[in-house]
């Protein structure tokens, strides 16, 4: 486990940012550039970490869109609660 943390030191930070962004933006996903700018990371690092989050099945990327689905997650949207595995355009 320690080896994974050293290999992907920004993984948890990026994952939390995605969840917070989706909560604030009614389920919309941030772009790679938005993640990189907000966390002061190079875009290449964000891409690598997104691939690792997907490999660990924590997120799912929707092809040809910027949508990121959070596996088994939820966020609050108005008065309702929506499952994060549902892609929202």
PDB file of N, CA and C in Angstrom:
ATOM      1  N   UNK A   1       0.819  -1.194   0.000  1.00  0.00           N
ATOM      2  CA  UNK A   1       0.000   0.000   0.000  1.00  0.00           C
ATOM      3  C   UNK A   1       0.863   1.258   0.000  1.00  0.00           C
ATOM      4  N   UNK A   2       1.906   1.269   0.806  1.00  0.00           N
ATOM      5  CA  UNK A   2       2.797   2.422   0.856  1.00  0.00           C
ATOM      6  C   UNK A   2       3.412   2.681  -0.515  1.00  0.00           C
ATOM      7  N   UNK A   3       3.737   1.607  -1.231  1.00  0.00           N
ATOM      8  CA  UNK A   3       4.300   1.750  -2.567  1.00  0.00           C
ATOM      9  C   UNK A   3       3.313   2.459  -3.494  1.00  0.00           C
ATOM     10  N   UNK A   4       2.007   2.135  -3.404  1.00  0.00           N
ATOM     11  CA  UNK A   4       1.002   2.784  -4.234  1.00  0.00           C
ATOM     12  C   UNK A   4       0.897   4.268  -3.910  1.00  0.00           C
ATOM     13  N   UNK A   5       0.977   4.621  -2.647  1.00  0.00           N
ATOM     14  CA  UNK A   5       0.904   6.021  -2.239  1.00  0.00           C
ATOM     15  C   UNK A   5       2.079   6.798  -2.811  1.00  0.00           C
ATOM     16  N   UNK A   6       3.255   6.212  -2.793  1.00  0.00           N
ATOM     17  CA  UNK A   6       4.436   6.883  -3.327  1.00  0.00           C
ATOM     18  C   UNK A   6       4.350   7.018  -4.843  1.00  0.00           C
ATOM     19  N   UNK A   7       3.747   6.047  -5.508  1.00  0.00           N
ATOM     20  CA  UNK A   7       3.627   6.081  -6.952  1.00  0.00           C
ATOM     21  C   UNK A   7       2.600   7.110  -7.402  1.00  0.00           C
ATOM     22  N   UNK A   8       1.525   7.273  -6.638  1.00  0.00           N
ATOM     23  CA  UNK A   8       0.433   8.178  -6.995  1.00  0.00           C
ATOM     24  C   UNK A   8       0.127   9.115  -5.827  1.00  0.00           C
ATOM     25  N   UNK A   9       1.019  10.046  -5.519  1.00  0.00           N
ATOM     26  CA  UNK A   9       0.833  10.903  -4.339  1.00  0.00           C
ATOM     27  C   UNK A   9      -0.366  11.846  -4.450  1.00  0.00           C
ATOM     28  N   UNK A  10      -0.827  12.145  -5.658  1.00  0.00           N
ATOM     29  CA  UNK A  10      -1.927  13.092  -5.850  1.00  0.00           C
ATOM     30  C   UNK A  10      -3.274  12.405  -6.051  1.00  0.00           C
ATOM     31  N   UNK A  11      -3.307  11.086  -5.999  1.00  0.00           N
ATOM     32  CA  UNK A  11      -4.512  10.327  -6.303  1.00  0.00           C
ATOM     33  C   UNK A  11      -5.685  10.724  -5.410  1.00  0.00           C
ATOM     34  N   UNK A  12      -5.483  10.744  -4.115  1.00  0.00           N
ATOM     35  CA  UNK A  12      -6.550  11.072  -3.175  1.00  0.00           C
ATOM     36  C   UNK A  12      -7.008  12.515  -3.352  1.00  0.00           C
ATOM     37  N   UNK A  13      -6.069  13.419  -3.554  1.00  0.00           N
ATOM     38  CA  UNK A  13      -6.401  14.836  -3.737  1.00  0.00           C
ATOM     39  C   UNK A  13      -7.254  15.035  -4.984  1.00  0.00           C
ATOM     40  N   UNK A  14      -6.890  14.385  -6.077  1.00  0.00           N
ATOM     41  CA  UNK A  14      -7.638  14.501  -7.326  1.00  0.00           C
ATOM     42  C   UNK A  14      -9.031  13.894  -7.169  1.00  0.00           C
ATOM     43  N   UNK A  15      -9.119  12.730  -6.540  1.00  0.00           N
ATOM     44  CA  UNK A  15     -10.403  12.068  -6.342  1.00  0.00           C
ATOM     45  C   UNK A  15     -11.337  12.956  -5.512  1.00  0.00           C
ATOM     46  N   UNK A  16     -10.838  13.528  -4.437  1.00  0.00           N
ATOM     47  CA  UNK A  16     -11.652  14.409  -3.597  1.00  0.00           C
ATOM     48  C   UNK A  16     -12.069  15.663  -4.372  1.00  0.00           C
ATOM     49  N   UNK A  17     -11.175  16.207  -5.183  1.00  0.00           N
ATOM     50  CA  UNK A  17     -11.512  17.389  -5.975  1.00  0.00           C
ATOM     51  C   UNK A  17     -12.656  17.078  -6.940  1.00  0.00           C
ATOM     52  N   UNK A  18     -12.596  15.934  -7.598  1.00  0.00           N
ATOM     53  CA  UNK A  18     -13.646  15.548  -8.548  1.00  0.00           C
ATOM     54  C   UNK A  18     -14.995  15.457  -7.832  1.00  0.00           C
ATOM     55  N   UNK A  19     -15.010  14.806  -6.678  1.00  0.00           N
ATOM     56  CA  UNK A  19     -16.256  14.664  -5.923  1.00  0.00           C
ATOM     57  C   UNK A  19     -16.788  16.034  -5.508  1.00  0.00           C
ATOM     58  N   UNK A  20     -15.927  16.880  -4.958  1.00  0.00           N
ATOM     59  CA  UNK A  20     -16.352  18.222  -4.533  1.00  0.00           C
ATOM     60  C   UNK A  20     -16.869  19.045  -5.715  1.00  0.00           C
ATOM     61  N   UNK A  21     -16.182  18.960  -6.844  1.00  0.00           N
ATOM     62  CA  UNK A  21     -16.592  19.704  -8.032  1.00  0.00           C
ATOM     63  C   UNK A  21     -17.978  19.248  -8.486  1.00  0.00           C
ATOM     64  N   UNK A  22     -18.182  17.932  -8.558  1.00  0.00           N
ATOM     65  CA  UNK A  22     -19.471  17.403  -8.994  1.00  0.00           C
ATOM     66  C   UNK A  22     -20.595  17.836  -8.047  1.00  0.00           C
ATOM     67  N   UNK A  23     -20.316  17.877  -6.772  1.00  0.00           N
ATOM     68  CA  UNK A  23     -21.321  18.337  -5.796  1.00  0.00           C
ATOM     69  C   UNK A  23     -21.684  19.798  -6.039  1.00  0.00           C
ATOM     70  N   UNK A  24     -20.686  20.617  -6.293  1.00  0.00           N
ATOM     71  CA  UNK A  24     -20.916  22.053  -6.485  1.00  0.00           C
ATOM     72  C   UNK A  24     -21.528  22.372  -7.844  1.00  0.00           C
ATOM     73  N   UNK A  25     -21.302  21.521  -8.824  1.00  0.00           N
ATOM     74  CA  UNK A  25     -21.712  21.819 -10.202  1.00  0.00           C
ATOM     75  C   UNK A  25     -22.846  20.909 -10.685  1.00  0.00           C
ATOM     76  N   UNK A  26     -23.682  20.486  -9.777  1.00  0.00           N
ATOM     77  CA  UNK A  26     -24.862  19.670 -10.112  1.00  0.00           C
ATOM     78  C   UNK A  26     -24.519  18.421 -10.920  1.00  0.00           C
ATOM     79  N   UNK A  27     -23.429  17.793 -10.584  1.00  0.00           N
ATOM     80  CA  UNK A  27     -23.067  16.525 -11.215  1.00  0.00           C
ATOM     81  C   UNK A  27     -22.176  16.627 -12.429  1.00  0.00           C
ATOM     82  N   UNK A  28     -21.917  17.830 -12.904  1.00  0.00           N
ATOM     83  CA  UNK A  28     -21.005  17.975 -14.042  1.00  0.00           C
ATOM     84  C   UNK A  28     -19.582  17.690 -13.600  1.00  0.00           C
ATOM     85  N   UNK A  29     -18.785  17.202 -14.519  1.00  0.00           N
ATOM     86  CA  UNK A  29     -17.399  16.836 -14.218  1.00  0.00           C
ATOM     87  C   UNK A  29     -16.429  17.944 -14.603  1.00  0.00           C
ATOM     88  N   UNK A  30     -15.316  18.047 -13.871  1.00  0.00           N
ATOM     89  CA  UNK A  30     -14.286  19.012 -14.261  1.00  0.00           C
ATOM     90  C   UNK A  30     -13.485  18.485 -15.449  1.00  0.00           C
ATOM     91  N   UNK A  31     -12.910  19.396 -16.209  1.00  0.00           N
ATOM     92  CA  UNK A  31     -12.000  18.992 -17.280  1.00  0.00           C
ATOM     93  C   UNK A  31     -10.636  18.690 -16.661  1.00  0.00           C
ATOM     94  N   UNK A  32      -9.792  18.059 -17.428  1.00  0.00           N
ATOM     95  CA  UNK A  32      -8.427  17.789 -16.970  1.00  0.00           C
ATOM     96  C   UNK A  32      -7.728  19.109 -16.653  1.00  0.00           C
ATOM     97  N   UNK A  33      -7.914  20.106 -17.502  1.00  0.00           N
ATOM     98  CA  UNK A  33      -7.285  21.410 -17.270  1.00  0.00           C
ATOM     99  C   UNK A  33      -7.799  22.047 -15.984  1.00  0.00           C
ATOM    100  N   UNK A  34      -9.086  21.953 -15.724  1.00  0.00           N
ATOM    101  CA  UNK A  34      -9.636  22.513 -14.483  1.00  0.00           C
ATOM    102  C   UNK A  34      -9.032  21.830 -13.255  1.00  0.00           C
ATOM    103  N   UNK A  35      -8.892  20.522 -13.317  1.00  0.00           N
ATOM    104  CA  UNK A  35      -8.280  19.782 -12.207  1.00  0.00           C
ATOM    105  C   UNK A  35      -6.833  20.224 -12.036  1.00  0.00           C
ATOM    106  N   UNK A  36      -6.104  20.266 -13.144  1.00  0.00           N
ATOM    107  CA  UNK A  36      -4.687  20.643 -13.104  1.00  0.00           C
ATOM    108  C   UNK A  36      -4.506  22.055 -12.547  1.00  0.00           C
ATOM    109  N   UNK A  37      -5.316  23.001 -13.024  1.00  0.00           N
ATOM    110  CA  UNK A  37      -5.199  24.386 -12.558  1.00  0.00           C
ATOM    111  C   UNK A  37      -5.564  24.517 -11.087  1.00  0.00           C
ATOM    112  N   UNK A  38      -6.635  23.862 -10.674  1.00  0.00           N
ATOM    113  CA  UNK A  38      -7.095  23.981  -9.290  1.00  0.00           C
ATOM    114  C   UNK A  38      -6.101  23.381  -8.297  1.00  0.00           C
ATOM    115  N   UNK A  39      -5.427  22.309  -8.709  1.00  0.00           N
ATOM    116  CA  UNK A  39      -4.514  21.607  -7.805  1.00  0.00           C
ATOM    117  C   UNK A  39      -3.047  21.911  -8.089  1.00  0.00           C
ATOM    118  N   UNK A  40      -2.798  22.822  -9.034  1.00  0.00           N
ATOM    119  CA  UNK A  40      -1.436  23.215  -9.407  1.00  0.00           C
ATOM    120  C   UNK A  40      -0.590  21.999  -9.792  1.00  0.00           C
ATOM    121  N   UNK A  41      -1.152  21.199 -10.707  1.00  0.00           N
ATOM    122  CA  UNK A  41      -0.476  19.996 -11.197  1.00  0.00           C
ATOM    123  C   UNK A  41      -0.353  20.073 -12.716  1.00  0.00           C
ATOM    124  N   UNK A  42       0.633  19.390 -13.282  1.00  0.00           N
ATOM    125  CA  UNK A  42       0.689  19.321 -14.743  1.00  0.00           C
ATOM    126  C   UNK A  42      -0.440  18.425 -15.268  1.00  0.00           C
ATOM    127  N   UNK A  43      -0.952  18.752 -16.443  1.00  0.00           N
ATOM    128  CA  UNK A  43      -2.023  17.955 -17.045  1.00  0.00           C
ATOM    129  C   UNK A  43      -1.629  16.492 -17.202  1.00  0.00           C
ATOM    130  N   UNK A  44      -0.371  16.245 -17.497  1.00  0.00           N
ATOM    131  CA  UNK A  44       0.084  14.862 -17.671  1.00  0.00           C
ATOM    132  C   UNK A  44      -0.083  14.066 -16.374  1.00  0.00           C
ATOM    133  N   UNK A  45       0.175  14.715 -15.239  1.00  0.00           N
ATOM    134  CA  UNK A  45      -0.001  14.059 -13.950  1.00  0.00           C
ATOM    135  C   UNK A  45      -1.473  13.746 -13.691  1.00  0.00           C
ATOM    136  N   UNK A  46      -2.345  14.676 -14.061  1.00  0.00           N
ATOM    137  CA  UNK A  46      -3.780  14.455 -13.891  1.00  0.00           C
ATOM    138  C   UNK A  46      -4.225  13.270 -14.745  1.00  0.00           C
ATOM    139  N   UNK A  47      -3.777  13.208 -16.005  1.00  0.00           N
ATOM    140  CA  UNK A  47      -4.127  12.087 -16.886  1.00  0.00           C
ATOM    141  C   UNK A  47      -3.695  10.752 -16.274  1.00  0.00           C
ATOM    142  N   UNK A  48      -2.482  10.680 -15.779  1.00  0.00           N
ATOM    143  CA  UNK A  48      -1.962   9.446 -15.188  1.00  0.00           C
ATOM    144  C   UNK A  48      -2.789   9.046 -13.971  1.00  0.00           C
ATOM    145  N   UNK A  49      -3.119  10.018 -13.129  1.00  0.00           N
ATOM    146  CA  UNK A  49      -3.908   9.734 -11.936  1.00  0.00           C
ATOM    147  C   UNK A  49      -5.337   9.333 -12.281  1.00  0.00           C
ATOM    148  N   UNK A  50      -5.925   9.935 -13.306  1.00  0.00           N
ATOM    149  CA  UNK A  50      -7.265   9.530 -13.743  1.00  0.00           C
ATOM    150  C   UNK A  50      -7.253   8.093 -14.250  1.00  0.00           C
ATOM    151  N   UNK A  51      -6.204   7.720 -14.971  1.00  0.00           N
ATOM    152  CA  UNK A  51      -6.085   6.339 -15.437  1.00  0.00           C
ATOM    153  C   UNK A  51      -6.010   5.376 -14.253  1.00  0.00           C
ATOM    154  N   UNK A  52      -5.273   5.773 -13.222  1.00  0.00           N
ATOM    155  CA  UNK A  52      -5.141   4.921 -12.043  1.00  0.00           C
ATOM    156  C   UNK A  52      -6.458   4.846 -11.269  1.00  0.00           C
ATOM    157  N   UNK A  53      -7.176   5.950 -11.147  1.00  0.00           N
ATOM    158  CA  UNK A  53      -8.484   5.932 -10.491  1.00  0.00           C
ATOM    159  C   UNK A  53      -9.454   5.020 -11.242  1.00  0.00           C
ATOM    160  N   UNK A  54      -9.371   5.054 -12.560  1.00  0.00           N
ATOM    161  CA  UNK A  54     -10.216   4.178 -13.373  1.00  0.00           C
ATOM    162  C   UNK A  54      -9.789   2.718 -13.217  1.00  0.00           C
ATOM    163  N   UNK A  55      -8.503   2.467 -13.179  1.00  0.00           N
ATOM    164  CA  UNK A  55      -8.004   1.098 -12.998  1.00  0.00           C
ATOM    165  C   UNK A  55      -8.477   0.514 -11.669  1.00  0.00           C
ATOM    166  N   UNK A  56      -8.530   1.366 -10.641  1.00  0.00           N
ATOM    167  CA  UNK A  56      -8.985   0.931  -9.314  1.00  0.00           C
ATOM    168  C   UNK A  56     -10.509   0.924  -9.197  1.00  0.00           C
ATOM    169  N   UNK A  57     -11.176   1.250 -10.294  1.00  0.00           N
ATOM    170  CA  UNK A  57     -12.632   1.273 -10.383  1.00  0.00           C
ATOM    171  C   UNK A  57     -13.269   2.263  -9.404  1.00  0.00           C
ATOM    172  N   UNK A  58     -12.576   3.374  -9.165  1.00  0.00           N
ATOM    173  CA  UNK A  58     -13.127   4.445  -8.341  1.00  0.00           C
ATOM    174  C   UNK A  58     -13.882   5.454  -9.194  1.00  0.00           C
ATOM    175  N   UNK A  59     -13.477   5.561 -10.457  1.00  0.00           N
ATOM    176  CA  UNK A  59     -14.193   6.408 -11.409  1.00  0.00           C
ATOM    177  C   UNK A  59     -14.383   5.611 -12.695  1.00  0.00           C
ATOM    178  N   UNK A  60     -15.279   6.116 -13.523  1.00  0.00           N
ATOM    179  CA  UNK A  60     -15.464   5.562 -14.860  1.00  0.00           C
ATOM    180  C   UNK A  60     -15.570   6.750 -15.798  1.00  0.00           C
ATOM    181  N   UNK A  61     -14.781   6.739 -16.860  1.00  0.00           N
ATOM    182  CA  UNK A  61     -14.828   7.829 -17.834  1.00  0.00           C
ATOM    183  C   UNK A  61     -15.771   7.442 -18.962  1.00  0.00           C
ATOM    184  N   UNK A  62     -16.562   8.409 -19.382  1.00  0.00           N
ATOM    185  CA  UNK A  62     -17.505   8.200 -20.475  1.00  0.00           C
ATOM    186  C   UNK A  62     -16.793   8.607 -21.767  1.00  0.00           C
ATOM    187  N   UNK A  63     -16.623   7.665 -22.711  1.00  0.00           N
ATOM    188  CA  UNK A  63     -15.894   7.977 -23.950  1.00  0.00           C
ATOM    189  C   UNK A  63     -16.489   9.163 -24.712  1.00  0.00           C
ATOM    190  N   UNK A  64     -15.618   9.952 -25.286  1.00  0.00           N
ATOM    191  CA  UNK A  64     -15.952  11.105 -26.130  1.00  0.00           C
ATOM    192  C   UNK A  64     -16.652  12.228 -25.364  1.00  0.00           C
ATOM    193  N   UNK A  65     -16.581  12.200 -24.046  1.00  0.00           N
ATOM    194  CA  UNK A  65     -17.118  13.290 -23.227  1.00  0.00           C
ATOM    195  C   UNK A  65     -16.097  13.583 -22.138  1.00  0.00           C
ATOM    196  N   UNK A  66     -16.369  14.591 -21.317  1.00  0.00           N
ATOM    197  CA  UNK A  66     -15.489  14.853 -20.188  1.00  0.00           C
ATOM    198  C   UNK A  66     -16.061  14.274 -18.900  1.00  0.00           C
ATOM    199  N   UNK A  67     -17.160  13.515 -19.023  1.00  0.00           N
ATOM    200  CA  UNK A  67     -17.846  13.007 -17.847  1.00  0.00           C
ATOM    201  C   UNK A  67     -17.032  11.956 -17.103  1.00  0.00           C
ATOM    202  N   UNK A  68     -17.000  12.111 -15.774  1.00  0.00           N
ATOM    203  CA  UNK A  68     -16.376  11.156 -14.877  1.00  0.00           C
ATOM    204  C   UNK A  68     -17.456  10.683 -13.915  1.00  0.00           C
ATOM    205  N   UNK A  69     -17.688   9.399 -13.865  1.00  0.00           N
ATOM    206  CA  UNK A  69     -18.664   8.848 -12.938  1.00  0.00           C
ATOM    207  C   UNK A  69     -17.915   8.303 -11.729  1.00  0.00           C
ATOM    208  N   UNK A  70     -18.429   8.592 -10.537  1.00  0.00           N
ATOM    209  CA  UNK A  70     -17.826   8.109  -9.302  1.00  0.00           C
ATOM    210  C   UNK A  70     -18.489   6.784  -8.960  1.00  0.00           C
ATOM    211  N   UNK A  71     -17.711   5.738  -8.823  1.00  0.00           N
ATOM    212  CA  UNK A  71     -18.256   4.420  -8.530  1.00  0.00           C
ATOM    213  C   UNK A  71     -18.871   4.404  -7.136  1.00  0.00           C
ATOM    214  N   UNK A  72     -20.128   3.963  -7.049  1.00  0.00           N
ATOM    215  CA  UNK A  72     -20.851   3.827  -5.783  1.00  0.00           C
ATOM    216  C   UNK A  72     -20.917   5.121  -4.991  1.00  0.00           C
ATOM    217  N   UNK A  73     -20.803   6.249  -5.656  1.00  0.00           N
ATOM    218  CA  UNK A  73     -20.812   7.527  -4.951  1.00  0.00           C
ATOM    219  C   UNK A  73     -22.149   8.216  -5.045  1.00  0.00           C
ATOM    220  N   UNK A  74     -22.283   9.274  -4.282  1.00  0.00           N
ATOM    221  CA  UNK A  74     -23.482  10.102  -4.300  1.00  0.00           C
ATOM    222  C   UNK A  74     -23.068  11.555  -4.120  1.00  0.00           C
ATOM    223  N   UNK A  75     -23.888  12.425  -4.637  1.00  0.00           N
ATOM    224  CA  UNK A  75     -23.723  13.835  -4.333  1.00  0.00           C
ATOM    225  C   UNK A  75     -25.131  14.406  -4.209  1.00  0.00           C
ATOM    226  N   UNK A  76     -25.259  15.502  -3.532  1.00  0.00           N
ATOM    227  CA  UNK A  76     -26.570  16.111  -3.340  1.00  0.00           C
ATOM    228  C   UNK A  76     -26.822  17.098  -4.456  1.00  0.00           C
ATOM    229  N   UNK A  77     -28.025  17.071  -4.999  1.00  0.00           N
ATOM    230  CA  UNK A  77     -28.378  17.919  -6.123  1.00  0.00           C
ATOM    231  C   UNK A  77     -29.784  18.429  -5.846  1.00  0.00           C
ATOM    232  N   UNK A  78     -29.879  19.660  -5.446  1.00  0.00           N
ATOM    233  CA  UNK A  78     -31.169  20.212  -5.052  1.00  0.00           C
ATOM    234  C   UNK A  78     -31.670  19.477  -3.814  1.00  0.00           C
ATOM    235  N   UNK A  79     -32.894  18.988  -3.854  1.00  0.00           N
ATOM    236  CA  UNK A  79     -33.472  18.270  -2.721  1.00  0.00           C
ATOM    237  C   UNK A  79     -33.311  16.763  -2.889  1.00  0.00           C
ATOM    238  N   UNK A  80     -32.868  16.326  -4.051  1.00  0.00           N
ATOM    239  CA  UNK A  80     -32.764  14.900  -4.325  1.00  0.00           C
ATOM    240  C   UNK A  80     -31.322  14.430  -4.185  1.00  0.00           C
ATOM    241  N   UNK A  81     -31.164  13.126  -3.997  1.00  0.00           N
ATOM    242  CA  UNK A  81     -29.836  12.523  -4.001  1.00  0.00           C
ATOM    243  C   UNK A  81     -29.736  11.652  -5.243  1.00  0.00           C
ATOM    244  N   UNK A  82     -28.684  11.843  -6.002  1.00  0.00           N
ATOM    245  CA  UNK A  82     -28.472  11.081  -7.239  1.00  0.00           C
ATOM    246  C   UNK A  82     -27.246  10.192  -7.091  1.00  0.00           C
ATOM    247  N   UNK A  83     -27.319   9.027  -7.670  1.00  0.00           N
ATOM    248  CA  UNK A  83     -26.151   8.148  -7.684  1.00  0.00           C
ATOM    249  C   UNK A  83     -25.118   8.701  -8.635  1.00  0.00           C
ATOM    250  N   UNK A  84     -23.882   8.701  -8.220  1.00  0.00           N
ATOM    251  CA  UNK A  84     -22.822   9.286  -9.044  1.00  0.00           C
ATOM    252  C   UNK A  84     -22.482   8.413 -10.235  1.00  0.00           C
ATOM    253  N   UNK A  85     -22.935   7.179 -10.279  1.00  0.00           N
ATOM    254  CA  UNK A  85     -22.631   6.328 -11.417  1.00  0.00           C
ATOM    255  C   UNK A  85     -23.500   6.695 -12.627  1.00  0.00           C
ATOM    256  N   UNK A  86     -24.472   7.569 -12.446  1.00  0.00           N
ATOM    257  CA  UNK A  86     -25.308   8.037 -13.542  1.00  0.00           C
ATOM    258  C   UNK A  86     -24.615   9.215 -14.220  1.00  0.00           C
ATOM    259  N   UNK A  87     -24.365   9.107 -15.498  1.00  0.00           N
ATOM    260  CA  UNK A  87     -23.710  10.206 -16.222  1.00  0.00           C
ATOM    261  C   UNK A  87     -24.705  11.346 -16.387  1.00  0.00           C
ATOM    262  N   UNK A  88     -24.274  12.538 -16.026  1.00  0.00           N
ATOM    263  CA  UNK A  88     -25.133  13.716 -16.155  1.00  0.00           C
ATOM    264  C   UNK A  88     -24.468  14.665 -17.142  1.00  0.00           C
ATOM    265  N   UNK A  89     -25.194  15.023 -18.183  1.00  0.00           N
ATOM    266  CA  UNK A  89     -24.623  15.908 -19.203  1.00  0.00           C
ATOM    267  C   UNK A  89     -24.611  17.342 -18.755  1.00  0.00           C
TER     268      UNK A  89
END
